[in-house]
C-alpha atoms as a PDB file:
ATOM      1  CA  MET A   1       0.000   0.000   0.000  1.00  0.00           C
ATOM      2  CA  GLY A   2       1.444   3.336  -1.022  1.00  0.00           C
ATOM      3  CA  LYS A   3       1.192   6.587   0.872  1.00  0.00           C
ATOM      4  CA  THR A   4       0.816  10.059  -0.579  1.00  0.00           C
ATOM      5  CA  LYS A   5       0.327  13.597   0.696  1.00  0.00           C
ATOM      6  CA  VAL A   6      -2.569  15.971   0.004  1.00  0.00           C
ATOM      7  CA  THR A   7      -1.300  19.254  -1.505  1.00  0.00           C
ATOM      8  CA  GLU A   8      -2.585  22.748  -0.705  1.00  0.00           C
ATOM      9  CA  LYS A   9      -4.852  22.412  -3.772  1.00  0.00           C
ATOM     10  CA  PHE A  10      -6.188  19.100  -2.398  1.00  0.00           C
ATOM     11  CA  GLN A  11      -4.401  17.078  -5.088  1.00  0.00           C
ATOM     12  CA  VAL A  12      -2.794  13.699  -4.519  1.00  0.00           C
ATOM     13  CA  THR A  13      -0.225  11.739  -6.507  1.00  0.00           C
ATOM     14  CA  ILE A  14      -0.869   8.049  -7.035  1.00  0.00           C
ATOM     15  CA  PRO A  15       2.402   6.297  -6.135  1.00  0.00           C
ATOM     16  CA  LYS A  16       4.463   4.983  -9.060  1.00  0.00           C
ATOM     17  CA  ASP A  17       4.334   1.322  -8.001  1.00  0.00           C
ATOM     18  CA  ILE A  18       0.532   1.431  -7.926  1.00  0.00           C
ATOM     19  CA  ARG A  19       0.283   3.282 -11.288  1.00  0.00           C
ATOM     20  CA  GLU A  20       2.546   0.689 -12.883  1.00  0.00           C
ATOM     21  CA  LYS A  21       0.743  -2.255 -11.287  1.00  0.00           C
ATOM     22  CA  ILE A  22      -2.618  -1.239 -12.787  1.00  0.00           C
ATOM     23  CA  GLY A  23      -1.310   0.454 -15.954  1.00  0.00           C
ATOM     24  CA  LEU A  24      -2.795   3.839 -15.099  1.00  0.00           C
ATOM     25  CA  MET A  25      -2.201   6.468 -17.781  1.00  0.00           C
ATOM     26  CA  PRO A  26      -2.306  10.296 -17.645  1.00  0.00           C
ATOM     27  CA  GLY A  27      -5.694  11.685 -18.564  1.00  0.00           C
ATOM     28  CA  GLU A  28      -7.700   8.739 -17.270  1.00  0.00           C
ATOM     29  CA  ILE A  29     -10.815   9.586 -15.301  1.00  0.00           C
ATOM     30  CA  ILE A  30     -10.901   8.452 -11.678  1.00  0.00           C
ATOM     31  CA  GLU A  31     -14.116   8.224  -9.668  1.00  0.00           C
ATOM     32  CA  VAL A  32     -13.786   9.145  -5.974  1.00  0.00           C
ATOM     33  CA  GLU A  33     -16.144   7.504  -3.503  1.00  0.00           C
ATOM     34  CA  VAL A  34     -16.379   8.086   0.247  1.00  0.00           C
ATOM     35  CA  MET A  35     -16.991   4.939   2.272  1.00  0.00           C
ATOM     36  CA  ASP A  36     -16.695   6.481   5.746  1.00  0.00           C
ATOM     37  CA  GLU A  37     -14.701   9.210   7.537  1.00  0.00           C
ATOM     38  CA  LYS A  38     -11.421   7.307   7.082  1.00  0.00           C
ATOM     39  CA  THR A  39     -11.946   5.500   3.774  1.00  0.00           C
ATOM     40  CA  ILE A  40     -11.867   6.947   0.250  1.00  0.00           C
ATOM     41  CA  VAL A  41     -12.059   4.598  -2.745  1.00  0.00           C
ATOM     42  CA  LEU A  42     -10.663   5.515  -6.163  1.00  0.00           C
ATOM     43  CA  LYS A  43     -12.170   3.716  -9.168  1.00  0.00           C
ATOM     44  CA  ARG A  44     -11.114   3.952 -12.803  1.00  0.00           C
ATOM     45  CA  ASP A  45     -13.718   4.808 -15.412  1.00  0.00           C
ATOM     46  CA  VAL A  46     -13.756   2.224 -18.163  1.00  0.00           C
ATOM     47  CA  VAL A  47     -12.654   3.775 -21.443  1.00  0.00           C
ATOM     48  CA  LYS A  48     -14.966   2.514 -24.206  1.00  0.00           C
ATOM     49  CA  ASN A  49     -12.540   3.266 -27.011  1.00  0.00           C
ATOM     50  CA  PRO A  50      -8.947   3.501 -25.730  1.00  0.00           C
ATOM     51  CA  LEU A  51      -7.440   4.405 -29.109  1.00  0.00           C
ATOM     52  CA  GLU A  52      -9.858   7.300 -29.557  1.00  0.00           C
ATOM     53  CA  HIS A  53      -9.170   8.354 -25.964  1.00  0.00           C
ATOM     54  CA  LEU A  54      -5.432   8.513 -26.680  1.00  0.00           C
ATOM     55  CA  ILE A  55      -5.482  10.263 -30.067  1.00  0.00           C
ATOM     56  CA  GLY A  56      -8.855  12.017 -29.972  1.00  0.00           C
ATOM     57  CA  LYS A  57     -11.508  12.511 -32.644  1.00  0.00           C
ATOM     58  CA  LYS A  58     -10.253  15.791 -34.090  1.00  0.00           C
ATOM     59  CA  GLN A  59      -8.655  15.550 -37.540  1.00  0.00           C
ATOM     60  CA  LEU A  60      -5.144  16.924 -37.121  1.00  0.00           C
ATOM     61  CA  PHE A  61      -3.724  16.456 -40.613  1.00  0.00           C
ATOM     62  CA  LYS A  62      -5.013  16.403 -44.181  1.00  0.00           C
ATOM     63  CA  ASN A  63      -4.102  12.693 -44.478  1.00  0.00           C
ATOM     64  CA  HIS A  64      -5.440  11.820 -41.026  1.00  0.00           C
ATOM     65  CA  ILE A  65      -6.602   8.212 -40.667  1.00  0.00           C
ATOM     66  CA  ARG A  66      -9.835   7.794 -38.741  1.00  0.00           C
ATOM     67  CA  VAL A  67      -9.852   5.508 -35.695  1.00  0.00           C
ATOM     68  CA  GLU A  68     -12.620   3.421 -37.242  1.00  0.00           C
ATOM     69  CA  ASN A  69     -10.458   2.737 -40.321  1.00  0.00           C
ATOM     70  CA  VAL A  70      -7.529   1.616 -38.173  1.00  0.00           C
ATOM     71  CA  GLU A  71      -9.787  -0.696 -36.173  1.00  0.00           C
ATOM     72  CA  GLU A  72     -11.342  -2.193 -39.324  1.00  0.00           C
ATOM     73  CA  ALA A  73      -7.917  -2.785 -40.860  1.00  0.00           C
ATOM     74  CA  ALA A  74      -6.649  -4.426 -37.683  1.00  0.00           C
ATOM     75  CA  GLU A  75      -9.693  -6.689 -37.446  1.00  0.00           C
ATOM     76  CA  SER A  76      -9.448  -7.745 -41.105  1.00  0.00           C
ATOM     77  CA  ASN A  77      -5.777  -8.756 -40.598  1.00  0.00           C
ATOM     78  CA  ILE A  78      -6.525 -11.040 -37.651  1.00  0.00           C
ATOM     79  CA  HIS A  79      -6.565 -14.700 -38.718  1.00  0.00           C
END
C-alpha cells in the first residue's frame, strides 16, 4: 500500500508502483467515492474506445486516418 500527501490544492499523486501495477495512464478519469470518515475509494472509469481516448476525434492532418479505419484494418488482418 502506497502513501501520498494531500497538496494545498487538495491534489494527490498516485504512487508509481501502484500506477505501474494497474497500468494507469495520464488523462484517465478516476471516480472518488467516500466509504466512511477514514476511507476513500478511487475507481477507474472504463474507457470505451482507448485508441480514440489517446489520439482524440479531431482531424489533425489532411491525411489523417480515422480511428474506425484503423480498427477495421486491424480486425481484417486477424486470422
